[in-house]
Amino acid sequence: MKQTTEPTNDEGLAIGGSFYQCDNGAECGLRFPVGVNDSFAHRCPRCRGTVHWVARVEPTEMAGVDPLRRSTQPPSQVRLLLDNWRSTFNVGSAFRTADGAGLGHIYLCGISATPESQRKLVKTALGAETFVAWSYHRDAVQLATQLQAGGAQLWVLERNAHATSLFDIRSLPEGMPVVLAAGNEVVGVDPGLTAVADQVIELPMLGNKQSLNVAVALSITTYWLRAKEMGLADLQNVK
């Protein structure tokens, strides 16, 4: 089978990847991606049959939009506080969200992993941890009160009887940092954080299940708040 040469960047590091398809079309026909640095025996991962190359992801598709474009936006006043997150993958995902939304800082508290302590976190963050400032704190409640004393508002992401729907958030306080806090994946938010919160907000659940993965919920909330901070118009005809 003829092999293709994958594109490389200026430093000679492989980037991009290819798509292959199983030759056993009648019984399998799986179409799947293979990264340049992935271990690949040129066999179908489903039926172990032979495969053929069908497409290559070009460097421009992998690179996406010029990262300098976001510099035209004013610095965000939103910060993230991750309290006692037990999953390194969730923490890494939060770093990617923070970088993607243009946030400036993540506060890692309690048992939450840090980029220095967990390689799995770095693997999930995919370099975002080098662009987003972070700090570690043992006590999230103590940190929250200190941030509030410095002029920030604490918004806690949690579902309770006093929570405001995320969809009802139309704007952010002008000129005042907002620290968005999310708690432990199993136990939930520390009651001490809820007690001192300036606002508790919830992500409405419109289906049968009543919760989302904490990193997913935080990502959705972050982008909603970021949109309001940037003054973007409300979505129309939401049903």
Protein backbone atom coordinates (compact mmCIF):
# COMPACT_ATOMS: atom_id res chain seq x y z
CA MET A 1 0.00 0.00 0.00
CA LYS A 2 1.35 3.40 -0.98
CA GLN A 3 2.11 5.58 2.02
CA THR A 4 1.63 9.34 2.09
CA THR A 5 3.99 11.83 3.65
CA GLU A 6 2.30 13.79 6.41
CA PRO A 7 2.87 17.59 6.55
CA THR A 8 5.30 19.00 9.07
CA ASN A 9 5.65 22.39 10.68
CA ASP A 10 8.69 24.65 10.48
CA GLU A 11 10.41 22.77 13.29
CA GLY A 12 9.98 19.43 11.57
CA LEU A 13 7.36 18.18 14.02
CA ALA A 14 4.57 16.12 12.51
CA ILE A 15 1.15 17.72 12.53
CA GLY A 16 -2.19 16.85 11.02
CA GLY A 17 -3.27 13.32 10.26
CA SER A 18 -5.14 11.09 7.85
CA PHE A 19 -8.40 9.20 7.49
CA TYR A 20 -8.47 5.56 6.51
CA GLN A 21 -11.26 3.13 5.60
CA CYS A 22 -11.60 -0.57 6.09
CA ASP A 23 -11.49 -2.60 2.85
CA ASN A 24 -14.14 -4.97 4.20
CA GLY A 25 -17.01 -2.74 3.15
CA ALA A 26 -19.75 -5.36 3.27
CA GLU A 27 -19.21 -6.35 6.90
CA CYS A 28 -17.33 -3.39 8.34
CA GLY A 29 -16.32 -0.37 6.24
CA LEU A 30 -15.16 1.60 9.27
CA ARG A 31 -13.81 5.06 8.42
CA PHE A 32 -11.45 6.40 11.09
CA PRO A 33 -8.72 9.00 11.76
CA VAL A 34 -5.06 8.36 12.53
CA GLY A 35 -2.85 11.06 13.98
CA VAL A 36 0.65 11.48 12.60
CA ASN A 37 2.24 10.34 15.85
CA ASP A 38 -0.27 7.54 16.53
CA SER A 39 0.90 3.93 16.52
CA PHE A 40 -0.79 2.39 13.48
CA ALA A 41 -0.39 -1.12 12.04
CA HIS A 42 -2.48 -0.34 8.94
CA ARG A 43 -5.24 -2.59 10.18
CA CYS A 44 -8.85 -1.78 10.93
CA PRO A 45 -9.27 -1.22 14.69
CA ARG A 46 -12.71 -2.84 14.52
CA CYS A 47 -12.26 -6.01 12.44
CA ARG A 48 -8.46 -6.05 11.95
CA GLY A 49 -8.90 -6.13 8.17
CA THR A 50 -6.81 -4.26 5.63
CA VAL A 51 -7.41 -0.56 5.14
CA HIS A 52 -6.78 2.13 2.55
CA TRP A 53 -5.95 5.80 2.89
CA VAL A 54 -8.81 8.14 1.92
CA ALA A 55 -7.97 11.68 3.02
CA ARG A 56 -5.43 13.84 4.76
CA VAL A 57 -6.17 16.71 7.13
CA GLU A 58 -4.17 19.63 5.82
CA PRO A 59 -2.16 21.88 8.17
CA THR A 60 -4.49 24.83 7.59
CA GLU A 61 -7.44 22.79 8.86
CA MET A 62 -5.55 21.74 11.97
CA ALA A 63 -4.21 25.21 12.70
CA GLY A 64 -7.63 26.89 12.67
CA VAL A 65 -8.03 30.61 13.13
CA ASP A 66 -5.05 32.85 13.75
CA PRO A 67 -4.72 32.97 17.58
CA LEU A 68 -3.75 36.63 17.41
CA ARG A 69 -7.26 37.51 16.27
CA ARG A 70 -8.64 37.33 19.79
CA SER A 71 -6.27 40.11 20.89
CA THR A 72 -8.76 42.61 19.44
CA GLN A 73 -11.11 41.81 22.33
CA PRO A 74 -10.61 43.54 25.69
CA PRO A 75 -9.26 41.32 28.49
CA SER A 76 -11.94 39.27 30.17
CA GLN A 77 -12.96 39.99 33.76
CA VAL A 78 -14.14 36.38 34.22
CA ARG A 79 -11.98 34.00 36.27
CA LEU A 80 -12.51 30.31 37.08
CA LEU A 81 -12.31 28.66 40.50
CA LEU A 82 -12.12 24.86 40.52
CA ASP A 83 -12.73 23.56 44.00
CA ASN A 84 -11.75 19.97 44.77
CA TRP A 85 -11.98 18.64 41.24
CA ARG A 86 -10.87 15.01 41.44
CA SER A 87 -10.48 14.40 37.68
CA THR A 88 -7.28 15.59 36.04
CA PHE A 89 -9.03 15.33 32.68
CA ASN A 90 -11.75 17.73 33.83
CA VAL A 91 -9.13 20.20 35.06
CA GLY A 92 -7.29 19.97 31.75
CA SER A 93 -10.55 20.58 29.92
CA ALA A 94 -11.16 23.68 32.06
CA PHE A 95 -7.78 25.05 30.98
CA ARG A 96 -8.75 24.62 27.33
CA THR A 97 -12.06 26.36 27.98
CA ALA A 98 -10.35 29.24 29.75
CA ASP A 99 -7.88 29.71 26.93
CA GLY A 100 -10.53 29.38 24.23
CA ALA A 101 -12.75 31.97 25.90
CA GLY A 102 -9.84 34.33 26.53
CA LEU A 103 -9.88 34.15 30.33
CA GLY A 104 -6.87 35.23 32.32
CA HIS A 105 -6.73 33.07 35.45
CA ILE A 106 -7.77 29.78 37.02
CA TYR A 107 -7.76 29.24 40.78
CA LEU A 108 -7.11 25.58 41.61
CA CYS A 109 -8.26 24.66 45.11
CA GLY A 110 -8.28 21.73 47.51
CA ILE A 111 -7.49 18.40 45.85
CA SER A 112 -7.63 19.83 42.33
CA ALA A 113 -4.60 18.86 40.27
CA THR A 114 -2.15 21.44 38.98
CA PRO A 115 -0.11 21.41 35.76
CA GLU A 116 2.99 20.83 37.85
CA SER A 117 1.59 17.81 39.69
CA GLN A 118 -0.18 15.77 37.01
CA ARG A 119 1.05 14.85 33.53
CA LYS A 120 -2.44 13.65 32.59
CA LEU A 121 -3.72 17.19 33.09
CA VAL A 122 -1.11 18.56 30.70
CA LYS A 123 -2.01 15.90 28.13
CA THR A 124 -5.67 16.96 28.22
CA ALA A 125 -4.96 20.70 28.31
CA LEU A 126 -2.90 20.41 25.10
CA GLY A 127 -0.74 23.42 25.92
CA ALA A 128 -3.52 25.68 27.21
CA GLU A 129 -1.92 25.59 30.65
CA THR A 130 0.99 27.61 29.24
CA PHE A 131 -1.30 30.47 28.18
CA VAL A 132 -3.66 30.69 31.15
CA ALA A 133 -2.27 31.90 34.47
CA TRP A 134 -3.12 29.73 37.46
CA SER A 135 -2.53 29.54 41.18
CA TYR A 136 -3.10 26.88 43.82
CA HIS A 137 -4.95 27.42 47.12
CA ARG A 138 -5.75 24.90 49.87
CA ASP A 139 -8.92 26.63 51.09
CA ALA A 140 -11.39 27.82 48.43
CA VAL A 141 -13.65 29.61 50.94
CA GLN A 142 -10.78 31.62 52.35
CA LEU A 143 -9.64 32.48 48.82
CA ALA A 144 -13.15 33.52 47.80
CA THR A 145 -13.51 35.95 50.67
CA GLN A 146 -10.12 37.43 49.87
CA LEU A 147 -11.07 37.92 46.24
CA GLN A 148 -14.35 39.52 47.26
CA ALA A 149 -12.49 41.87 49.59
CA GLY A 150 -10.40 42.85 46.59
CA GLY A 151 -13.47 43.84 44.59
CA ALA A 152 -14.46 40.62 42.80
CA GLN A 153 -17.85 38.95 42.76
CA LEU A 154 -18.19 35.22 43.43
CA TRP A 155 -20.67 33.40 41.20
CA VAL A 156 -21.20 29.75 42.10
CA LEU A 157 -22.40 27.22 39.54
CA GLU A 158 -24.84 25.02 41.43
CA ARG A 159 -28.46 23.93 41.34
CA ASN A 160 -30.48 24.92 44.38
CA ALA A 161 -33.74 26.64 45.29
CA HIS A 162 -32.15 30.10 45.14
CA ALA A 163 -30.23 29.71 41.90
CA THR A 164 -30.72 32.01 38.91
CA SER A 165 -31.00 30.40 35.50
CA LEU A 166 -27.97 30.99 33.31
CA PHE A 167 -30.35 32.02 30.53
CA ASP A 168 -31.52 34.92 32.70
CA ILE A 169 -28.02 36.38 32.96
CA ARG A 170 -28.09 39.38 30.59
CA SER A 171 -24.96 41.23 31.64
CA LEU A 172 -21.97 41.16 33.96
CA PRO A 173 -21.10 43.82 36.54
CA GLU A 174 -19.17 46.55 34.76
CA GLY A 175 -15.53 46.90 35.73
CA MET A 176 -15.77 44.17 38.37
CA PRO A 177 -14.09 40.75 38.08
CA VAL A 178 -16.41 37.75 38.27
CA VAL A 179 -15.01 34.52 39.72
CA LEU A 180 -17.04 31.56 38.47
CA ALA A 181 -16.72 28.65 40.91
CA ALA A 182 -17.60 25.00 40.37
CA GLY A 183 -17.27 22.25 42.93
CA ASN A 184 -16.54 18.56 43.35
CA GLU A 185 -17.90 16.17 40.71
CA VAL A 186 -19.60 13.90 43.27
CA VAL A 187 -20.25 15.88 46.46
CA GLY A 188 -20.94 19.22 44.80
CA VAL A 189 -20.07 22.75 45.83
CA ASP A 190 -18.67 23.44 49.30
CA PRO A 191 -21.53 24.99 51.36
CA GLY A 192 -19.02 27.57 52.53
CA LEU A 193 -18.70 28.87 48.97
CA THR A 194 -22.45 28.93 48.46
CA ALA A 195 -22.88 30.85 51.72
CA VAL A 196 -20.58 33.68 50.66
CA ALA A 197 -21.55 33.72 46.96
CA ASP A 198 -22.79 36.96 45.44
CA GLN A 199 -24.89 34.90 43.06
CA VAL A 200 -25.71 31.23 42.51
CA ILE A 201 -26.43 30.31 38.91
CA GLU A 202 -27.67 27.07 37.41
CA LEU A 203 -27.54 25.56 33.96
CA PRO A 204 -31.14 24.64 33.06
CA MET A 205 -31.63 20.94 32.35
CA LEU A 206 -34.19 20.55 29.59
CA GLY A 207 -34.10 16.77 29.22
CA ASN A 208 -34.50 13.80 31.52
CA LYS A 209 -31.13 13.81 33.23
CA GLN A 210 -30.51 16.48 35.85
CA SER A 211 -26.79 17.02 35.60
CA LEU A 212 -23.86 17.39 33.21
CA ASN A 213 -20.18 16.64 33.52
CA VAL A 214 -18.74 19.49 35.57
CA ALA A 215 -16.20 20.49 32.92
CA VAL A 216 -18.93 20.57 30.26
CA ALA A 217 -21.24 22.65 32.47
CA LEU A 218 -18.43 25.05 33.28
CA SER A 219 -17.54 25.41 29.60
CA ILE A 220 -21.12 26.23 28.60
CA THR A 221 -21.48 28.73 31.42
CA THR A 222 -18.13 30.34 30.68
CA TYR A 223 -18.98 31.01 27.06
CA TRP A 224 -22.42 32.36 27.94
CA LEU A 225 -20.90 34.79 30.44
CA ARG A 226 -18.15 35.71 28.00
CA ALA A 227 -20.74 36.51 25.35
CA LYS A 228 -22.60 38.77 27.78
CA GLU A 229 -19.35 40.44 28.78
CA MET A 230 -18.62 41.17 25.12
CA GLY A 231 -22.08 42.67 24.72
CA LEU A 232 -23.31 40.14 22.19
CA ALA A 233 -27.04 40.14 21.49
CA ASP A 234 -29.28 37.55 23.09
CA LEU A 235 -30.14 34.48 21.08
CA GLN A 236 -33.42 34.90 19.25
CA ASN A 237 -36.28 32.42 19.05
CA VAL A 238 -34.81 29.99 21.56
CA LYS A 239 -37.34 27.22 22.16
